Amino acid sequence: MRASWYPIPVVRAPLWVFLLAFAAPAFAEDPRSVEILRLDCANKLGRREVTLFANGTIRLREGPPDNLLMGLAELGPVDYQAFIARLQGEDLEAANRLHSGVEGDWIERCLLALDLPDKEPLVLHFGRYDTLPLSLSRLLAVSQDLAAKVTTLEGVDRLPEDYEPRLDDVLRRVDGNLYRVASFTVDGKGVELRGVVQPVALYVRRDELRKEFNALVSRPE
């Protein structure tokens, strides 16, 4: 969704030689930050959020509220389209008339947000013990299959709040990969980073670097 409870955009891209052909910084509609599905369930003890982005990135966050772990995975074009087909195949009309079940501080409550191609955005709220229609239950199974693609979770350490990027800084992304600051957009609001090991380029808003990277590995003197 364009607006969400926990906006932590994840940015990933194909080979940098391909990306350089698309230099326009249209971040608002960038598929790397558009959420197709987000299932966010939480109570006082913990939280689990599964998000599928329009570029095929899967983000999983789970754990106690004060110690969330996060992991990423990437779907190839074939797998991505297969998941989209499964999501589009469910008729969620009955889910708009959900009846609330048991409620309380310790009862897990969920938010499901969908923004599928050629369909109106949909947001549903329900509880762990609510009676759910079969279509919604199957959709939750899809979200579990997405979460299973994420095999590694790491702490959500972040760059220092006063971090300002410099050319040739090497940063560690939350998935463990290293990227070097290569350039800045003309307006100064965007940062281009290139993979240290893999020939991958990322374009990230300057004010969102701390959401995407968790450590400054090295900086030239």
C-alpha atoms as a PDB file:
ATOM      1  CA  MET A   1       0.000   0.000   0.000  1.00  0.00           C
ATOM      2  CA  ARG A   2       1.069   3.592  -0.519  1.00  0.00           C
ATOM      3  CA  ALA A   3       0.173   4.387   3.100  1.00  0.00           C
ATOM      4  CA  SER A   4       0.766   1.856   5.862  1.00  0.00           C
ATOM      5  CA  TRP A   5       1.181   1.440   9.595  1.00  0.00           C
ATOM      6  CA  TYR A   6       4.858   0.588   9.460  1.00  0.00           C
ATOM      7  CA  PRO A   7       6.383   2.161   6.351  1.00  0.00           C
ATOM      8  CA  ILE A   8       9.821   0.538   5.947  1.00  0.00           C
ATOM      9  CA  PRO A   9      10.465   0.571   2.227  1.00  0.00           C
ATOM     10  CA  VAL A  10      12.810  -2.017   0.880  1.00  0.00           C
ATOM     11  CA  VAL A  11      14.692  -1.183  -2.263  1.00  0.00           C
ATOM     12  CA  ARG A  12      16.171  -3.733  -4.604  1.00  0.00           C
ATOM     13  CA  ALA A  13      17.069  -3.635  -8.287  1.00  0.00           C
ATOM     14  CA  PRO A  14      18.306  -5.737 -11.216  1.00  0.00           C
ATOM     15  CA  LEU A  15      21.737  -5.286 -12.773  1.00  0.00           C
ATOM     16  CA  TRP A  16      22.977  -1.726 -12.478  1.00  0.00           C
ATOM     17  CA  VAL A  17      23.597  -1.427 -16.194  1.00  0.00           C
ATOM     18  CA  PHE A  18      19.878  -1.885 -16.705  1.00  0.00           C
ATOM     19  CA  LEU A  19      18.910   0.505 -13.940  1.00  0.00           C
ATOM     20  CA  LEU A  20      21.065   3.320 -15.195  1.00  0.00           C
ATOM     21  CA  ALA A  21      18.756   3.598 -18.192  1.00  0.00           C
ATOM     22  CA  PHE A  22      15.973   4.664 -15.818  1.00  0.00           C
ATOM     23  CA  ALA A  23      17.442   7.543 -13.873  1.00  0.00           C
ATOM     24  CA  ALA A  24      14.148   9.359 -13.166  1.00  0.00           C
ATOM     25  CA  PRO A  25      13.685   9.445  -9.368  1.00  0.00           C
ATOM     26  CA  ALA A  26       9.962   8.568  -9.362  1.00  0.00           C
ATOM     27  CA  PHE A  27      10.171   7.003  -5.906  1.00  0.00           C
ATOM     28  CA  ALA A  28       6.457   7.206  -5.128  1.00  0.00           C
ATOM     29  CA  GLU A  29       5.591   4.669  -7.849  1.00  0.00           C
ATOM     30  CA  ASP A  30       8.778   2.651  -7.673  1.00  0.00           C
ATOM     31  CA  PRO A  31       7.835  -1.063  -7.481  1.00  0.00           C
ATOM     32  CA  ARG A  32      10.609  -1.546  -4.942  1.00  0.00           C
ATOM     33  CA  SER A  33       8.592   0.446  -2.388  1.00  0.00           C
ATOM     34  CA  VAL A  34       5.006  -0.488  -3.384  1.00  0.00           C
ATOM     35  CA  GLU A  35       3.405  -3.101  -1.129  1.00  0.00           C
ATOM     36  CA  ILE A  36       1.293  -5.752  -2.866  1.00  0.00           C
ATOM     37  CA  LEU A  37       0.477  -7.676   0.308  1.00  0.00           C
ATOM     38  CA  ARG A  38       1.089  -6.956   3.967  1.00  0.00           C
ATOM     39  CA  LEU A  39      -0.091  -9.179   6.791  1.00  0.00           C
ATOM     40  CA  ASP A  40       0.678  -7.631  10.159  1.00  0.00           C
ATOM     41  CA  CYS A  41      -0.346  -9.509  13.330  1.00  0.00           C
ATOM     42  CA  ALA A  42       0.511  -8.398  16.849  1.00  0.00           C
ATOM     43  CA  ASN A  43      -0.361  -8.499  20.521  1.00  0.00           C
ATOM     44  CA  LYS A  44       1.449  -7.317  23.649  1.00  0.00           C
ATOM     45  CA  LEU A  45       3.888 -10.204  23.438  1.00  0.00           C
ATOM     46  CA  GLY A  46       5.073  -9.845  19.869  1.00  0.00           C
ATOM     47  CA  ARG A  47       4.501  -9.031  16.254  1.00  0.00           C
ATOM     48  CA  ARG A  48       4.849 -10.787  12.900  1.00  0.00           C
ATOM     49  CA  GLU A  49       4.666  -8.927   9.597  1.00  0.00           C
ATOM     50  CA  VAL A  50       4.976 -10.389   6.099  1.00  0.00           C
ATOM     51  CA  THR A  51       5.185  -7.980   3.164  1.00  0.00           C
ATOM     52  CA  LEU A  52       5.429  -8.643  -0.573  1.00  0.00           C
ATOM     53  CA  PHE A  53       6.682  -5.710  -2.647  1.00  0.00           C
ATOM     54  CA  ALA A  54       5.917  -5.138  -6.315  1.00  0.00           C
ATOM     55  CA  ASN A  55       9.489  -5.915  -7.360  1.00  0.00           C
ATOM     56  CA  GLY A  56       9.357  -9.404  -5.814  1.00  0.00           C
ATOM     57  CA  THR A  57      11.057  -8.592  -2.510  1.00  0.00           C
ATOM     58  CA  ILE A  58       9.644 -10.329   0.567  1.00  0.00           C
ATOM     59  CA  ARG A  59      10.208  -8.793   3.990  1.00  0.00           C
ATOM     60  CA  LEU A  60       9.587 -10.684   7.227  1.00  0.00           C
ATOM     61  CA  ARG A  61       9.710  -8.985  10.618  1.00  0.00           C
ATOM     62  CA  GLU A  62       8.919 -10.818  13.842  1.00  0.00           C
ATOM     63  CA  GLY A  63       9.717 -10.972  17.525  1.00  0.00           C
ATOM     64  CA  PRO A  64       8.984  -9.082  20.745  1.00  0.00           C
ATOM     65  CA  PRO A  65       7.935  -5.448  20.189  1.00  0.00           C
ATOM     66  CA  ASP A  66      11.260  -4.150  21.543  1.00  0.00           C
ATOM     67  CA  ASN A  67      13.464  -6.645  19.681  1.00  0.00           C
ATOM     68  CA  LEU A  68      12.113  -7.265  16.195  1.00  0.00           C
ATOM     69  CA  LEU A  69      14.192  -9.309  13.787  1.00  0.00           C
ATOM     70  CA  MET A  70      14.025  -8.762  10.042  1.00  0.00           C
ATOM     71  CA  GLY A  71      14.863 -10.787   6.949  1.00  0.00           C
ATOM     72  CA  LEU A  72      14.539 -10.421   3.184  1.00  0.00           C
ATOM     73  CA  ALA A  73      14.072 -12.770   0.240  1.00  0.00           C
ATOM     74  CA  GLU A  74      13.659 -12.233  -3.486  1.00  0.00           C
ATOM     75  CA  LEU A  75      11.207 -13.879  -5.885  1.00  0.00           C
ATOM     76  CA  GLY A  76      12.121 -14.429  -9.514  1.00  0.00           C
ATOM     77  CA  PRO A  77       9.626 -13.297 -12.197  1.00  0.00           C
ATOM     78  CA  VAL A  78       8.003 -16.739 -12.534  1.00  0.00           C
ATOM     79  CA  ASP A  79       7.540 -17.273  -8.798  1.00  0.00           C
ATOM     80  CA  TYR A  80       6.328 -13.698  -8.359  1.00  0.00           C
ATOM     81  CA  GLN A  81       3.637 -14.077 -11.016  1.00  0.00           C
ATOM     82  CA  ALA A  82       2.590 -17.415  -9.489  1.00  0.00           C
ATOM     83  CA  PHE A  83       2.031 -15.758  -6.117  1.00  0.00           C
ATOM     84  CA  ILE A  84       0.138 -12.877  -7.729  1.00  0.00           C
ATOM     85  CA  ALA A  85      -2.133 -15.390  -9.501  1.00  0.00           C
ATOM     86  CA  ARG A  86      -2.872 -17.133  -6.197  1.00  0.00           C
ATOM     87  CA  LEU A  87      -3.743 -13.824  -4.550  1.00  0.00           C
ATOM     88  CA  GLN A  88      -5.936 -12.709  -7.441  1.00  0.00           C
ATOM     89  CA  GLY A  89      -7.757 -16.023  -7.463  1.00  0.00           C
ATOM     90  CA  GLU A  90      -9.473 -15.398  -4.117  1.00  0.00           C
ATOM     91  CA  ASP A  91     -12.874 -13.675  -3.858  1.00  0.00           C
ATOM     92  CA  LEU A  92     -12.725 -11.710  -0.619  1.00  0.00           C
ATOM     93  CA  GLU A  93     -16.217 -10.205  -0.764  1.00  0.00           C
ATOM     94  CA  ALA A  94     -17.318 -12.263   2.249  1.00  0.00           C
ATOM     95  CA  ALA A  95     -14.274 -11.049   4.176  1.00  0.00           C
ATOM     96  CA  ASN A  96     -15.756  -7.543   4.230  1.00  0.00           C
ATOM     97  CA  ARG A  97     -18.412  -8.840   6.640  1.00  0.00           C
ATOM     98  CA  LEU A  98     -16.214 -10.426   9.279  1.00  0.00           C
ATOM     99  CA  HIS A  99     -17.640 -10.980  12.763  1.00  0.00           C
ATOM    100  CA  SER A 100     -15.346 -10.203  15.682  1.00  0.00           C
ATOM    101  CA  GLY A 101     -14.426 -13.031  18.017  1.00  0.00           C
ATOM    102  CA  VAL A 102     -12.572 -12.999  21.318  1.00  0.00           C
ATOM    103  CA  GLU A 103     -10.817  -9.699  22.050  1.00  0.00           C
ATOM    104  CA  GLY A 104      -8.309  -8.487  24.631  1.00  0.00           C
ATOM    105  CA  ASP A 105      -4.761  -7.178  25.132  1.00  0.00           C
ATOM    106  CA  TRP A 106      -3.279 -10.657  24.738  1.00  0.00           C
ATOM    107  CA  ILE A 107      -5.350 -11.666  21.717  1.00  0.00           C
ATOM    108  CA  GLU A 108      -3.494 -11.318  18.433  1.00  0.00           C
ATOM    109  CA  ARG A 109      -5.053  -8.816  16.037  1.00  0.00           C
ATOM    110  CA  CYS A 110      -4.188  -8.714  12.347  1.00  0.00           C
ATOM    111  CA  LEU A 111      -4.241  -6.241   9.507  1.00  0.00           C
ATOM    112  CA  LEU A 112      -4.254  -7.555   5.946  1.00  0.00           C
ATOM    113  CA  ALA A 113      -3.621  -5.016   3.178  1.00  0.00           C
ATOM    114  CA  LEU A 114      -3.794  -5.921  -0.514  1.00  0.00           C
ATOM    115  CA  ASP A 115      -3.025  -3.780  -3.551  1.00  0.00           C
ATOM    116  CA  LEU A 116      -3.273  -6.180  -6.496  1.00  0.00           C
ATOM    117  CA  PRO A 117      -2.967  -5.194 -10.169  1.00  0.00           C
ATOM    118  CA  ASP A 118      -6.331  -4.223 -11.716  1.00  0.00           C
ATOM    119  CA  LYS A 119      -8.135  -4.441  -8.363  1.00  0.00           C
ATOM    120  CA  GLU A 120      -9.187  -1.913  -5.766  1.00  0.00           C
ATOM    121  CA  PRO A 121      -6.975  -1.765  -2.679  1.00  0.00           C
ATOM    122  CA  LEU A 122      -8.378  -3.741   0.248  1.00  0.00           C
ATOM    123  CA  VAL A 123      -7.701  -3.519   3.986  1.00  0.00           C
ATOM    124  CA  LEU A 124      -9.104  -6.063   6.457  1.00  0.00           C
ATOM    125  CA  HIS A 125      -8.902  -6.289  10.243  1.00  0.00           C
ATOM    126  CA  PHE A 126      -9.496  -9.519  12.137  1.00  0.00           C
ATOM    127  CA  GLY A 127      -8.478 -11.451  15.230  1.00  0.00           C
ATOM    128  CA  ARG A 128      -6.762 -14.754  15.757  1.00  0.00           C
ATOM    129  CA  TYR A 129      -9.941 -16.406  17.020  1.00  0.00           C
ATOM    130  CA  ASP A 130     -12.356 -14.861  14.522  1.00  0.00           C
ATOM    131  CA  THR A 131     -14.266 -17.150  12.189  1.00  0.00           C
ATOM    132  CA  LEU A 132     -12.747 -16.517   8.756  1.00  0.00           C
ATOM    133  CA  PRO A 133     -14.158 -17.310   5.308  1.00  0.00           C
ATOM    134  CA  LEU A 134     -12.352 -19.995   3.333  1.00  0.00           C
ATOM    135  CA  SER A 135     -11.037 -17.470   0.780  1.00  0.00           C
ATOM    136  CA  LEU A 136      -9.321 -15.437   3.513  1.00  0.00           C
ATOM    137  CA  SER A 137      -7.897 -18.573   5.112  1.00  0.00           C
ATOM    138  CA  ARG A 138      -6.362 -19.551   1.784  1.00  0.00           C
ATOM    139  CA  LEU A 139      -4.917 -16.076   1.384  1.00  0.00           C
ATOM    140  CA  LEU A 140      -3.324 -16.345   4.819  1.00  0.00           C
ATOM    141  CA  ALA A 141      -1.768 -19.606   3.655  1.00  0.00           C
ATOM    142  CA  VAL A 142      -0.234 -17.695   0.735  1.00  0.00           C
ATOM    143  CA  SER A 143       1.296 -15.228   3.179  1.00  0.00           C
ATOM    144  CA  GLN A 144       2.793 -18.123   5.153  1.00  0.00           C
ATOM    145  CA  ASP A 145       4.307 -19.528   1.959  1.00  0.00           C
ATOM    146  CA  LEU A 146       5.840 -16.112   1.294  1.00  0.00           C
ATOM    147  CA  ALA A 147       7.258 -15.939   4.819  1.00  0.00           C
ATOM    148  CA  ALA A 148       8.806 -19.385   4.382  1.00  0.00           C
ATOM    149  CA  LYS A 149      10.985 -17.957   1.594  1.00  0.00           C
ATOM    150  CA  VAL A 150      12.836 -15.851   4.183  1.00  0.00           C
ATOM    151  CA  THR A 151      15.440 -18.124   5.720  1.00  0.00           C
ATOM    152  CA  THR A 152      17.514 -15.688   7.800  1.00  0.00           C
ATOM    153  CA  LEU A 153      16.431 -13.091  10.343  1.00  0.00           C
ATOM    154  CA  GLU A 154      18.755 -10.456  11.748  1.00  0.00           C
ATOM    155  CA  GLY A 155      18.500  -7.738  14.363  1.00  0.00           C
ATOM    156  CA  VAL A 156      17.212  -4.384  13.214  1.00  0.00           C
ATOM    157  CA  ASP A 157      20.355  -2.385  14.006  1.00  0.00           C
ATOM    158  CA  ARG A 158      20.493   0.867  12.101  1.00  0.00           C
ATOM    159  CA  LEU A 159      22.971   3.469  11.023  1.00  0.00           C
ATOM    160  CA  PRO A 160      23.589   6.302  13.512  1.00  0.00           C
ATOM    161  CA  GLU A 161      20.826   8.908  13.478  1.00  0.00           C
ATOM    162  CA  ASP A 162      23.302  11.605  12.466  1.00  0.00           C
ATOM    163  CA  TYR A 163      24.762   9.553   9.584  1.00  0.00           C
ATOM    164  CA  GLU A 164      25.356  11.561   6.394  1.00  0.00           C
ATOM    165  CA  PRO A 165      26.416   9.554   3.323  1.00  0.00           C
ATOM    166  CA  ARG A 166      29.698  10.316   1.580  1.00  0.00           C
ATOM    167  CA  LEU A 167      31.060   9.055  -1.711  1.00  0.00           C
ATOM    168  CA  ASP A 168      32.710   5.632  -1.374  1.00  0.00           C
ATOM    169  CA  ASP A 169      31.140   4.871   2.014  1.00  0.00           C
ATOM    170  CA  VAL A 170      30.583   1.106   2.258  1.00  0.00           C
ATOM    171  CA  LEU A 171      27.289   0.220   3.951  1.00  0.00           C
ATOM    172  CA  ARG A 172      25.839  -3.106   5.030  1.00  0.00           C
ATOM    173  CA  ARG A 173      22.260  -3.750   3.968  1.00  0.00           C
ATOM    174  CA  VAL A 174      19.858  -5.554   6.318  1.00  0.00           C
ATOM    175  CA  ASP A 175      20.259  -8.704   4.173  1.00  0.00           C
ATOM    176  CA  GLY A 176      24.017  -8.690   4.862  1.00  0.00           C
ATOM    177  CA  ASN A 177      25.175  -7.510   1.410  1.00  0.00           C
ATOM    178  CA  LEU A 178      27.655  -4.628   1.083  1.00  0.00           C
ATOM    179  CA  TYR A 179      27.089  -1.529  -1.057  1.00  0.00           C
ATOM    180  CA  ARG A 180      29.279   1.462  -1.858  1.00  0.00           C
ATOM    181  CA  VAL A 181      27.877   5.006  -2.188  1.00  0.00           C
ATOM    182  CA  ALA A 182      28.430   5.867  -5.855  1.00  0.00           C
ATOM    183  CA  SER A 183      26.603   9.151  -6.461  1.00  0.00           C
ATOM    184  CA  PHE A 184      23.716  11.409  -5.482  1.00  0.00           C
ATOM    185  CA  THR A 185      20.681  12.594  -7.435  1.00  0.00           C
ATOM    186  CA  VAL A 186      20.664  16.171  -8.692  1.00  0.00           C
ATOM    187  CA  ASP A 187      18.238  17.291  -5.991  1.00  0.00           C
ATOM    188  CA  GLY A 188      20.369  15.628  -3.307  1.00  0.00           C
ATOM    189  CA  LYS A 189      17.454  13.566  -1.993  1.00  0.00           C
ATOM    190  CA  GLY A 190      18.464  10.241  -3.535  1.00  0.00           C
ATOM    191  CA  VAL A 191      21.566   8.065  -3.186  1.00  0.00           C
ATOM    192  CA  GLU A 192      22.900   5.575  -5.734  1.00  0.00           C
ATOM    193  CA  LEU A 193      24.718   2.608  -4.221  1.00  0.00           C
ATOM    194  CA  ARG A 194      26.500  -0.203  -6.067  1.00  0.00           C
ATOM    195  CA  GLY A 195      27.122  -3.694  -4.806  1.00  0.00           C
ATOM    196  CA  VAL A 196      30.650  -4.411  -3.606  1.00  0.00           C
ATOM    197  CA  VAL A 197      30.486  -8.081  -4.600  1.00  0.00           C
ATOM    198  CA  GLN A 198      27.580  -8.229  -7.052  1.00  0.00           C
ATOM    199  CA  PRO A 199      26.991  -5.779  -9.962  1.00  0.00           C
ATOM    200  CA  VAL A 200      23.729  -4.477  -8.479  1.00  0.00           C
ATOM    201  CA  ALA A 201      22.663  -0.850  -8.107  1.00  0.00           C
ATOM    202  CA  LEU A 202      20.180   0.585  -5.610  1.00  0.00           C
ATOM    203  CA  TYR A 203      18.528   3.978  -5.547  1.00  0.00           C
ATOM    204  CA  VAL A 204      17.425   4.956  -2.039  1.00  0.00           C
ATOM    205  CA  ARG A 205      16.057   8.147  -0.588  1.00  0.00           C
ATOM    206  CA  ARG A 206      18.639   9.806   1.632  1.00  0.00           C
ATOM    207  CA  ASP A 207      16.169   9.957   4.530  1.00  0.00           C
ATOM    208  CA  GLU A 208      15.446   6.226   4.233  1.00  0.00           C
ATOM    209  CA  LEU A 209      19.024   4.922   4.371  1.00  0.00           C
ATOM    210  CA  ARG A 210      18.678   4.008   8.048  1.00  0.00           C
ATOM    211  CA  LYS A 211      15.671   1.840   7.233  1.00  0.00           C
ATOM    212  CA  GLU A 212      17.575  -0.106   4.571  1.00  0.00           C
ATOM    213  CA  PHE A 213      21.145  -0.274   5.934  1.00  0.00           C
ATOM    214  CA  ASN A 214      22.333  -1.160   9.423  1.00  0.00           C
ATOM    215  CA  ALA A 215      26.056  -0.387   9.496  1.00  0.00           C
ATOM    216  CA  LEU A 216      28.784   1.811   8.054  1.00  0.00           C
ATOM    217  CA  VAL A 217      31.488  -0.744   7.260  1.00  0.00           C
ATOM    218  CA  SER A 218      34.182   1.609   5.974  1.00  0.00           C
ATOM    219  CA  ARG A 219      34.753   5.211   4.980  1.00  0.00           C
ATOM    220  CA  PRO A 220      37.702   6.603   3.007  1.00  0.00           C
ATOM    221  CA  GLU A 221      39.933   8.943   4.954  1.00  0.00           C
END
